[in-house]
C-alpha atoms as a PDB file:
ATOM      1  CA  MET A   1      63.586  11.105  43.578  1.00  0.00           C
ATOM      2  CA  THR A   2      62.007   8.405  43.405  1.00  0.00           C
ATOM      3  CA  ASP A   3      59.637   6.796  41.090  1.00  0.00           C
ATOM      4  CA  GLU A   4      57.200   5.668  43.960  1.00  0.00           C
ATOM      5  CA  PHE A   5      53.912   7.562  43.971  1.00  0.00           C
ATOM      6  CA  GLU A   6      53.456   8.920  47.283  1.00  0.00           C
ATOM      7  CA  GLU A   7      49.198   9.964  48.448  1.00  0.00           C
ATOM      8  CA  GLU A   8      50.467  12.793  50.381  1.00  0.00           C
ATOM      9  CA  GLY A   9      52.455  15.627  49.357  1.00  0.00           C
ATOM     10  CA  PRO A  10      52.675  18.764  47.115  1.00  0.00           C
ATOM     11  CA  TYR A  11      51.677  18.012  43.395  1.00  0.00           C
ATOM     12  CA  ILE A  12      51.048  19.782  40.609  1.00  0.00           C
ATOM     13  CA  ASP A  13      46.989  20.874  39.770  1.00  0.00           C
ATOM     14  CA  PHE A  14      47.250  21.562  37.003  1.00  0.00           C
ATOM     15  CA  VAL A  15      49.570  22.391  33.878  1.00  0.00           C
ATOM     16  CA  ILE A  16      48.633  25.396  31.150  1.00  0.00           C
ATOM     17  CA  ARG A  17      50.035  24.966  27.835  1.00  0.00           C
ATOM     18  CA  LEU A  18      50.354  27.928  26.133  1.00  0.00           C
ATOM     19  CA  SER A  19      51.063  27.487  21.687  1.00  0.00           C
ATOM     20  CA  PRO A  20      50.996  30.269  19.499  1.00  0.00           C
ATOM     21  CA  LEU A  21      48.197  30.792  17.683  1.00  0.00           C
ATOM     22  CA  ALA A  22      48.409  29.276  14.040  1.00  0.00           C
ATOM     23  CA  GLY A  23      45.375  30.516  11.832  1.00  0.00           C
ATOM     24  CA  ASP A  24      42.105  32.023  12.725  1.00  0.00           C
ATOM     25  CA  MET A  25      41.096  32.338  16.538  1.00  0.00           C
ATOM     26  CA  ALA A  26      37.911  30.186  16.951  1.00  0.00           C
ATOM     27  CA  GLU A  27      34.914  32.021  18.821  1.00  0.00           C
ATOM     28  CA  PRO A  28      34.832  30.523  22.804  1.00  0.00           C
ATOM     29  CA  ALA A  29      32.102  28.249  23.605  1.00  0.00           C
ATOM     30  CA  LEU A  30      29.934  30.288  26.767  1.00  0.00           C
ATOM     31  CA  GLU A  31      27.867  28.981  29.542  1.00  0.00           C
ATOM     32  CA  GLU A  32      24.742  30.637  29.710  1.00  0.00           C
ATOM     33  CA  ASP A  33      25.652  32.723  31.978  1.00  0.00           C
ATOM     34  CA  GLY A  34      28.470  34.267  29.691  1.00  0.00           C
ATOM     35  CA  CYS A  35      31.611  32.834  31.342  1.00  0.00           C
ATOM     36  CA  LEU A  36      33.901  31.121  28.751  1.00  0.00           C
ATOM     37  CA  GLN A  37      33.231  27.392  29.036  1.00  0.00           C
ATOM     38  CA  TRP A  38      35.711  25.200  30.732  1.00  0.00           C
ATOM     39  CA  GLU A  39      37.254  22.250  28.644  1.00  0.00           C
ATOM     40  CA  PHE A  40      39.703  20.125  30.522  1.00  0.00           C
ATOM     41  CA  ARG A  41      41.592  17.873  28.616  1.00  0.00           C
ATOM     42  CA  LYS A  42      43.823  14.938  29.468  1.00  0.00           C
ATOM     43  CA  PRO A  43      46.740  13.098  27.146  1.00  0.00           C
ATOM     44  CA  ALA A  44      46.503   9.324  26.513  1.00  0.00           C
ATOM     45  CA  ILE A  45      49.915   8.752  28.285  1.00  0.00           C
ATOM     46  CA  CYS A  46      49.474  11.063  31.896  1.00  0.00           C
ATOM     47  CA  PRO A  47      52.237  10.410  34.692  1.00  0.00           C
ATOM     48  CA  ALA A  48      50.801   9.466  37.918  1.00  0.00           C
ATOM     49  CA  GLY A  49      51.415  12.940  39.432  1.00  0.00           C
ATOM     50  CA  ILE A  50      54.053  15.641  39.237  1.00  0.00           C
ATOM     51  CA  ARG A  51      56.050  16.616  42.437  1.00  0.00           C
ATOM     52  CA  SER A  52      55.630  20.435  43.299  1.00  0.00           C
ATOM     53  CA  THR A  53      59.086  22.248  44.534  1.00  0.00           C
ATOM     54  CA  LEU A  54      57.548  25.013  46.503  1.00  0.00           C
END
């Protein structure tokens, strides 16, 4: 394992975090066409890349 960032290689594109529901579920935001509105969040401290093992 190395701490060096490599431009090429298999990296994870996104992470889905599931957590238990606490309280009432909020109504989801919808786009004009009725699809769910995409929400992108990035933590304050985020690694430059997480190498995929697949």
